[in-house]
PDB file of all heavy atoms in Angstrom:
ATOM      1  N   VAL A   1       0.858  -1.199   0.000  1.00  0.00           N
ATOM      2  CA  VAL A   1      -0.012  -0.010  -0.004  1.00  0.00           C
ATOM      3  C   VAL A   1       0.857   1.300   0.000  1.00  0.00           C
ATOM      4  O   VAL A   1       0.966   1.945  -0.993  1.00  0.00           O
ATOM      5  CB  VAL A   1      -0.957  -0.003   1.220  1.00  0.00           C
ATOM      6  CG1 VAL A   1      -1.881   1.227   1.154  1.00  0.00           C
ATOM      7  CG2 VAL A   1      -1.788  -1.255   1.210  1.00  0.00           C
ATOM      8  N   ASP A   2       1.534   1.437   1.135  1.00  0.00           N
ATOM      9  CA  ASP A   2       2.483   2.607   1.267  1.00  0.00           C
ATOM     10  C   ASP A   2       3.836   2.308   0.636  1.00  0.00           C
ATOM     11  O   ASP A   2       4.216   1.118   0.529  1.00  0.00           O
ATOM     12  CB  ASP A   2       2.693   2.978   2.678  1.00  0.00           C
ATOM     13  CG  ASP A   2       1.472   3.653   3.268  1.00  0.00           C
ATOM     14  OD1 ASP A   2       1.121   4.734   2.714  1.00  0.00           O
ATOM     15  OD2 ASP A   2       0.825   3.166   4.215  1.00  0.00           O
ATOM     16  N   PRO A   3       4.600   3.330   0.241  1.00  0.00           N
ATOM     17  CA  PRO A   3       5.977   3.099  -0.274  1.00  0.00           C
ATOM     18  C   PRO A   3       6.828   2.258   0.723  1.00  0.00           C
ATOM     19  O   PRO A   3       7.663   1.463   0.262  1.00  0.00           O
ATOM     20  CB  PRO A   3       6.498   4.523  -0.438  1.00  0.00           C
ATOM     21  CG  PRO A   3       5.301   5.331  -0.695  1.00  0.00           C
ATOM     22  CD  PRO A   3       4.205   4.733   0.105  1.00  0.00           C
ATOM     23  N   ASP A   4       6.690   2.443   2.002  1.00  0.00           N
ATOM     24  CA  ASP A   4       7.477   1.716   2.966  1.00  0.00           C
ATOM     25  C   ASP A   4       7.237   0.188   2.865  1.00  0.00           C
ATOM     26  O   ASP A   4       8.137  -0.615   3.270  1.00  0.00           O
ATOM     27  CB  ASP A   4       7.082   2.139   4.418  1.00  0.00           C
ATOM     28  CG  ASP A   4       7.663   3.521   4.754  1.00  0.00           C
ATOM     29  OD1 ASP A   4       8.512   3.979   4.019  1.00  0.00           O
ATOM     30  OD2 ASP A   4       7.234   4.090   5.715  1.00  0.00           O
ATOM     31  N   ASP A   5       6.145  -0.254   2.317  1.00  0.00           N
ATOM     32  CA  ASP A   5       5.812  -1.644   2.239  1.00  0.00           C
ATOM     33  C   ASP A   5       6.696  -2.450   1.355  1.00  0.00           C
ATOM     34  O   ASP A   5       6.767  -3.687   1.416  1.00  0.00           O
ATOM     35  CB  ASP A   5       4.325  -1.815   1.791  1.00  0.00           C
ATOM     36  CG  ASP A   5       3.297  -1.297   2.830  1.00  0.00           C
ATOM     37  OD1 ASP A   5       3.653  -1.357   4.039  1.00  0.00           O
ATOM     38  OD2 ASP A   5       2.260  -0.904   2.433  1.00  0.00           O
ATOM     39  N   VAL A   6       7.330  -1.778   0.312  1.00  0.00           N
ATOM     40  CA  VAL A   6       8.132  -2.507  -0.615  1.00  0.00           C
ATOM     41  C   VAL A   6       9.604  -2.679  -0.223  1.00  0.00           C
ATOM     42  O   VAL A   6      10.379  -3.283  -0.973  1.00  0.00           O
ATOM     43  CB  VAL A   6       8.104  -1.830  -2.036  1.00  0.00           C
ATOM     44  CG1 VAL A   6       6.646  -1.752  -2.516  1.00  0.00           C
ATOM     45  CG2 VAL A   6       8.730  -0.458  -2.053  1.00  0.00           C
ATOM     46  N   LYS A   7       9.975  -2.155   0.914  1.00  0.00           N
ATOM     47  CA  LYS A   7      11.361  -2.254   1.372  1.00  0.00           C
ATOM     48  C   LYS A   7      11.814  -3.699   1.404  1.00  0.00           C
ATOM     49  O   LYS A   7      11.200  -4.557   2.075  1.00  0.00           O
ATOM     50  CB  LYS A   7      11.555  -1.591   2.763  1.00  0.00           C
ATOM     51  CG  LYS A   7      11.837  -0.111   2.663  1.00  0.00           C
ATOM     52  CD  LYS A   7      12.127   0.472   4.029  1.00  0.00           C
ATOM     53  CE  LYS A   7      12.257   1.976   3.914  1.00  0.00           C
ATOM     54  NZ  LYS A   7      12.145   2.686   5.176  1.00  0.00           N
ATOM     55  N   GLY A   8      12.935  -3.972   0.648  1.00  0.00           N
ATOM     56  CA  GLY A   8      13.470  -5.340   0.648  1.00  0.00           C
ATOM     57  C   GLY A   8      12.697  -6.389  -0.194  1.00  0.00           C
ATOM     58  O   GLY A   8      13.067  -7.541  -0.288  1.00  0.00           O
ATOM     59  N   MET A   9      11.563  -5.945  -0.826  1.00  0.00           N
ATOM     60  CA  MET A   9      10.761  -6.901  -1.616  1.00  0.00           C
ATOM     61  C   MET A   9      11.316  -7.089  -3.022  1.00  0.00           C
ATOM     62  O   MET A   9      11.789  -6.123  -3.619  1.00  0.00           O
ATOM     63  CB  MET A   9       9.320  -6.384  -1.741  1.00  0.00           C
ATOM     64  CG  MET A   9       8.461  -6.623  -0.590  1.00  0.00           C
ATOM     65  SD  MET A   9       6.714  -6.115  -0.907  1.00  0.00           S
ATOM     66  CE  MET A   9       6.090  -7.734  -1.455  1.00  0.00           C
ATOM     67  N   LYS A  10      11.200  -8.267  -3.601  1.00  0.00           N
ATOM     68  CA  LYS A  10      11.485  -8.491  -5.020  1.00  0.00           C
ATOM     69  C   LYS A  10      10.200  -8.313  -5.729  1.00  0.00           C
ATOM     70  O   LYS A  10       9.242  -9.110  -5.619  1.00  0.00           O
ATOM     71  CB  LYS A  10      12.025  -9.941  -5.194  1.00  0.00           C
ATOM     72  CG  LYS A  10      13.482 -10.185  -4.643  1.00  0.00           C
ATOM     73  CD  LYS A  10      13.910 -11.543  -4.880  1.00  0.00           C
ATOM     74  CE  LYS A  10      13.209 -12.486  -3.942  1.00  0.00           C
ATOM     75  NZ  LYS A  10      13.681 -13.919  -4.044  1.00  0.00           N
ATOM     76  N   ILE A  11      10.165  -7.157  -6.541  1.00  0.00           N
ATOM     77  CA  ILE A  11       8.868  -6.799  -7.119  1.00  0.00           C
ATOM     78  C   ILE A  11       9.012  -6.314  -8.541  1.00  0.00           C
ATOM     79  O   ILE A  11      10.042  -5.743  -8.945  1.00  0.00           O
ATOM     80  CB  ILE A  11       8.229  -5.694  -6.227  1.00  0.00           C
ATOM     81  CG1 ILE A  11       6.844  -5.284  -6.716  1.00  0.00           C
ATOM     82  CG2 ILE A  11       9.066  -4.472  -6.103  1.00  0.00           C
ATOM     83  CD1 ILE A  11       6.070  -4.467  -5.755  1.00  0.00           C
ATOM     84  N   ARG A  12       8.032  -6.588  -9.340  1.00  0.00           N
ATOM     85  CA  ARG A  12       7.971  -6.183 -10.752  1.00  0.00           C
ATOM     86  C   ARG A  12       7.127  -4.875 -10.820  1.00  0.00           C
ATOM     87  O   ARG A  12       5.990  -4.865 -10.416  1.00  0.00           O
ATOM     88  CB  ARG A  12       7.372  -7.292 -11.591  1.00  0.00           C
ATOM     89  CG  ARG A  12       7.329  -7.025 -13.065  1.00  0.00           C
ATOM     90  CD  ARG A  12       5.964  -6.717 -13.572  1.00  0.00           C
ATOM     91  NE  ARG A  12       5.936  -6.697 -15.049  1.00  0.00           N
ATOM     92  CZ  ARG A  12       4.941  -6.222 -15.773  1.00  0.00           C
ATOM     93  NH1 ARG A  12       3.876  -5.713 -15.203  1.00  0.00           N
ATOM     94  NH2 ARG A  12       5.004  -6.286 -17.116  1.00  0.00           N
ATOM     95  N   GLY A  13       7.660  -3.864 -11.469  1.00  0.00           N
ATOM     96  CA  GLY A  13       6.980  -2.608 -11.598  1.00  0.00           C
ATOM     97  C   GLY A  13       6.241  -2.428 -12.935  1.00  0.00           C
ATOM     98  O   GLY A  13       5.177  -1.782 -13.040  1.00  0.00           O
ATOM     99  N   GLY A  14       6.854  -2.993 -13.995  1.00  0.00           N
ATOM    100  CA  GLY A  14       6.180  -2.896 -15.275  1.00  0.00           C
ATOM    101  C   GLY A  14       6.805  -1.900 -16.224  1.00  0.00           C
ATOM    102  O   GLY A  14       6.484  -1.909 -17.420  1.00  0.00           O
ATOM    103  N   SER A  15       7.623  -1.006 -15.753  1.00  0.00           N
ATOM    104  CA  SER A  15       8.338  -0.049 -16.685  1.00  0.00           C
ATOM    105  C   SER A  15       9.589   0.454 -15.901  1.00  0.00           C
ATOM    106  O   SER A  15       9.687   0.353 -14.633  1.00  0.00           O
ATOM    107  CB  SER A  15       7.478   1.139 -17.062  1.00  0.00           C
ATOM    108  OG  SER A  15       7.378   2.081 -15.953  1.00  0.00           O
ATOM    109  N   ARG A  16      10.481   1.040 -16.661  1.00  0.00           N
ATOM    110  CA  ARG A  16      11.744   1.508 -16.074  1.00  0.00           C
ATOM    111  C   ARG A  16      11.369   2.588 -15.031  1.00  0.00           C
ATOM    112  O   ARG A  16      11.991   2.738 -13.990  1.00  0.00           O
ATOM    113  CB  ARG A  16      12.595   2.140 -17.170  1.00  0.00           C
ATOM    114  CG  ARG A  16      13.962   2.713 -16.701  1.00  0.00           C
ATOM    115  CD  ARG A  16      14.809   3.236 -17.837  1.00  0.00           C
ATOM    116  NE  ARG A  16      16.096   3.631 -17.353  1.00  0.00           N
ATOM    117  CZ  ARG A  16      16.350   4.779 -16.716  1.00  0.00           C
ATOM    118  NH1 ARG A  16      15.328   5.670 -16.587  1.00  0.00           N
ATOM    119  NH2 ARG A  16      17.552   5.068 -16.301  1.00  0.00           N
ATOM    120  N   GLU A  17      10.353   3.454 -15.370  1.00  0.00           N
ATOM    121  CA  GLU A  17       9.967   4.525 -14.493  1.00  0.00           C
ATOM    122  C   GLU A  17       9.417   4.036 -13.153  1.00  0.00           C
ATOM    123  O   GLU A  17       9.729   4.544 -12.098  1.00  0.00           O
ATOM    124  CB  GLU A  17       8.980   5.485 -15.229  1.00  0.00           C
ATOM    125  CG  GLU A  17       9.674   6.510 -16.176  1.00  0.00           C
ATOM    126  CD  GLU A  17      10.530   5.842 -17.250  1.00  0.00           C
ATOM    127  OE1 GLU A  17      10.129   4.757 -17.761  1.00  0.00           O
ATOM    128  OE2 GLU A  17      11.544   6.421 -17.607  1.00  0.00           O
ATOM    129  N   VAL A  18       8.495   3.064 -13.254  1.00  0.00           N
ATOM    130  CA  VAL A  18       7.997   2.518 -12.005  1.00  0.00           C
ATOM    131  C   VAL A  18       9.075   1.830 -11.209  1.00  0.00           C
ATOM    132  O   VAL A  18       9.122   1.950  -9.999  1.00  0.00           O
ATOM    133  CB  VAL A  18       6.828   1.499 -12.309  1.00  0.00           C
ATOM    134  CG1 VAL A  18       6.282   0.845 -11.004  1.00  0.00           C
ATOM    135  CG2 VAL A  18       5.725   2.156 -13.075  1.00  0.00           C
ATOM    136  N   ASP A  19      10.041   1.177 -11.910  1.00  0.00           N
ATOM    137  CA  ASP A  19      11.102   0.519 -11.211  1.00  0.00           C
ATOM    138  C   ASP A  19      11.969   1.557 -10.453  1.00  0.00           C
ATOM    139  O   ASP A  19      12.486   1.313  -9.337  1.00  0.00           O
ATOM    140  CB  ASP A  19      12.054  -0.195 -12.217  1.00  0.00           C
ATOM    141  CG  ASP A  19      11.409  -1.464 -12.743  1.00  0.00           C
ATOM    142  OD1 ASP A  19      10.362  -1.871 -12.188  1.00  0.00           O
ATOM    143  OD2 ASP A  19      11.949  -2.019 -13.713  1.00  0.00           O
ATOM    144  N   LEU A  20      12.161   2.768 -11.008  1.00  0.00           N
ATOM    145  CA  LEU A  20      12.942   3.818 -10.284  1.00  0.00           C
ATOM    146  C   LEU A  20      12.279   4.221  -9.026  1.00  0.00           C
ATOM    147  O   LEU A  20      12.890   4.407  -7.988  1.00  0.00           O
ATOM    148  CB  LEU A  20      13.050   5.043 -11.214  1.00  0.00           C
ATOM    149  CG  LEU A  20      14.044   4.913 -12.413  1.00  0.00           C
ATOM    150  CD1 LEU A  20      13.972   6.125 -13.316  1.00  0.00           C
ATOM    151  CD2 LEU A  20      15.471   4.812 -11.861  1.00  0.00           C
ATOM    152  N   VAL A  21      10.936   4.283  -9.091  1.00  0.00           N
ATOM    153  CA  VAL A  21      10.141   4.666  -7.806  1.00  0.00           C
ATOM    154  C   VAL A  21      10.322   3.533  -6.776  1.00  0.00           C
ATOM    155  O   VAL A  21      10.528   3.802  -5.573  1.00  0.00           O
ATOM    156  CB  VAL A  21       8.708   4.869  -8.192  1.00  0.00           C
ATOM    157  CG1 VAL A  21       7.838   5.087  -6.864  1.00  0.00           C
ATOM    158  CG2 VAL A  21       8.519   6.087  -9.072  1.00  0.00           C
ATOM    159  N   LEU A  22      10.195   2.259  -7.238  1.00  0.00           N
ATOM    160  CA  LEU A  22      10.319   1.150  -6.303  1.00  0.00           C
ATOM    161  C   LEU A  22      11.658   1.064  -5.702  1.00  0.00           C
ATOM    162  O   LEU A  22      11.829   0.770  -4.532  1.00  0.00           O
ATOM    163  CB  LEU A  22       9.999  -0.166  -7.084  1.00  0.00           C
ATOM    164  CG  LEU A  22       8.520  -0.335  -7.509  1.00  0.00           C
ATOM    165  CD1 LEU A  22       8.376  -1.539  -8.427  1.00  0.00           C
ATOM    166  CD2 LEU A  22       7.629  -0.509  -6.259  1.00  0.00           C
ATOM    167  N   LYS A  23      12.737   1.314  -6.516  1.00  0.00           N
ATOM    168  CA  LYS A  23      14.075   1.324  -6.032  1.00  0.00           C
ATOM    169  C   LYS A  23      14.308   2.384  -4.933  1.00  0.00           C
ATOM    170  O   LYS A  23      14.895   2.149  -3.911  1.00  0.00           O
ATOM    171  CB  LYS A  23      15.117   1.516  -7.185  1.00  0.00           C
ATOM    172  CG  LYS A  23      15.355   0.301  -7.987  1.00  0.00           C
ATOM    173  CD  LYS A  23      16.331   0.613  -9.126  1.00  0.00           C
ATOM    174  CE  LYS A  23      16.466  -0.549 -10.124  1.00  0.00           C
ATOM    175  NZ  LYS A  23      17.278  -0.181 -11.285  1.00  0.00           N
ATOM    176  N   ALA A  24      13.718   3.614  -5.230  1.00  0.00           N
ATOM    177  CA  ALA A  24      13.865   4.715  -4.294  1.00  0.00           C
ATOM    178  C   ALA A  24      13.140   4.368  -2.981  1.00  0.00           C
ATOM    179  O   ALA A  24      13.577   4.805  -1.904  1.00  0.00           O
ATOM    180  CB  ALA A  24      13.236   5.927  -4.890  1.00  0.00           C
ATOM    181  N   ALA A  25      12.143   3.502  -3.059  1.00  0.00           N
ATOM    182  CA  ALA A  25      11.411   3.114  -1.841  1.00  0.00           C
ATOM    183  C   ALA A  25      12.071   1.919  -1.115  1.00  0.00           C
ATOM    184  O   ALA A  25      11.590   1.419  -0.086  1.00  0.00           O
ATOM    185  CB  ALA A  25       9.978   2.767  -2.167  1.00  0.00           C
ATOM    186  N   GLY A  26      13.153   1.341  -1.752  1.00  0.00           N
ATOM    187  CA  GLY A  26      13.926   0.288  -1.083  1.00  0.00           C
ATOM    188  C   GLY A  26      13.657  -1.101  -1.652  1.00  0.00           C
ATOM    189  O   GLY A  26      14.107  -2.078  -1.050  1.00  0.00           O
ATOM    190  N   ALA A  27      12.995  -1.258  -2.774  1.00  0.00           N
ATOM    191  CA  ALA A  27      12.700  -2.533  -3.367  1.00  0.00           C
ATOM    192  C   ALA A  27      13.819  -3.071  -4.207  1.00  0.00           C
ATOM    193  O   ALA A  27      14.650  -2.272  -4.729  1.00  0.00           O
ATOM    194  CB  ALA A  27      11.380  -2.501  -4.090  1.00  0.00           C
ATOM    195  N   ALA A  28      13.787  -4.364  -4.446  1.00  0.00           N
ATOM    196  CA  ALA A  28      14.689  -5.003  -5.473  1.00  0.00           C
ATOM    197  C   ALA A  28      13.811  -5.312  -6.651  1.00  0.00           C
ATOM    198  O   ALA A  28      12.865  -6.086  -6.528  1.00  0.00           O
ATOM    199  CB  ALA A  28      15.309  -6.277  -4.907  1.00  0.00           C
ATOM    200  N   VAL A  29      14.035  -4.639  -7.768  1.00  0.00           N
ATOM    201  CA  VAL A  29      13.061  -4.709  -8.910  1.00  0.00           C
ATOM    202  C   VAL A  29      13.442  -5.935  -9.816  1.00  0.00           C
ATOM    203  O   VAL A  29      14.604  -6.300  -9.938  1.00  0.00           O
ATOM    204  CB  VAL A  29      12.982  -3.454  -9.753  1.00  0.00           C
ATOM    205  CG1 VAL A  29      12.536  -2.309  -8.875  1.00  0.00           C
ATOM    206  CG2 VAL A  29      14.307  -3.137 -10.417  1.00  0.00           C
ATOM    207  N   VAL A  30      12.382  -6.499 -10.451  1.00  0.00           N
ATOM    208  CA  VAL A  30      12.502  -7.574 -11.371  1.00  0.00           C
ATOM    209  C   VAL A  30      11.859  -7.074 -12.706  1.00  0.00           C
ATOM    210  O   VAL A  30      10.677  -6.671 -12.689  1.00  0.00           O
ATOM    211  CB  VAL A  30      11.854  -8.888 -10.918  1.00  0.00           C
ATOM    212  CG1 VAL A  30      11.996 -10.030 -11.919  1.00  0.00           C
ATOM    213  CG2 VAL A  30      12.399  -9.250  -9.557  1.00  0.00           C
ATOM    214  N   SER A  31      12.537  -7.225 -13.826  1.00  0.00           N
ATOM    215  CA  SER A  31      11.931  -6.739 -15.119  1.00  0.00           C
ATOM    216  C   SER A  31      11.595  -7.913 -15.987  1.00  0.00           C
ATOM    217  O   SER A  31      12.428  -8.728 -16.351  1.00  0.00           O
ATOM    218  CB  SER A  31      12.958  -5.825 -15.797  1.00  0.00           C
ATOM    219  OG  SER A  31      13.252  -4.740 -15.069  1.00  0.00           O
ATOM    220  N   LEU A  32      10.294  -7.984 -16.327  1.00  0.00           N
ATOM    221  CA  LEU A  32       9.863  -9.038 -17.231  1.00  0.00           C
ATOM    222  C   LEU A  32       8.466  -8.669 -17.726  1.00  0.00           C
ATOM    223  O   LEU A  32       7.713  -7.876 -17.110  1.00  0.00           O
ATOM    224  CB  LEU A  32       9.851 -10.458 -16.605  1.00  0.00           C
ATOM    225  CG  LEU A  32       9.395 -10.625 -15.166  1.00  0.00           C
ATOM    226  CD1 LEU A  32       7.855 -10.559 -15.040  1.00  0.00           C
ATOM    227  CD2 LEU A  32       9.804 -11.989 -14.631  1.00  0.00           C
ATOM    228  N   PRO A  33       8.019  -9.203 -18.921  1.00  0.00           N
ATOM    229  CA  PRO A  33       6.652  -8.922 -19.439  1.00  0.00           C
ATOM    230  C   PRO A  33       5.600  -9.578 -18.536  1.00  0.00           C
ATOM    231  O   PRO A  33       5.897 -10.479 -17.835  1.00  0.00           O
ATOM    232  CB  PRO A  33       6.671  -9.561 -20.785  1.00  0.00           C
ATOM    233  CG  PRO A  33       8.070  -9.929 -21.143  1.00  0.00           C
ATOM    234  CD  PRO A  33       8.776 -10.080 -19.848  1.00  0.00           C
TER     235      PRO A  33
END
């Protein structure tokens, strides 16, 4: 829900831009269709 919730999570954002937001919130991003 909140940005804090993604800290340390392996998560897919769907675009480079969403990934940047997730990284800034502390997530580990995964890129795939």
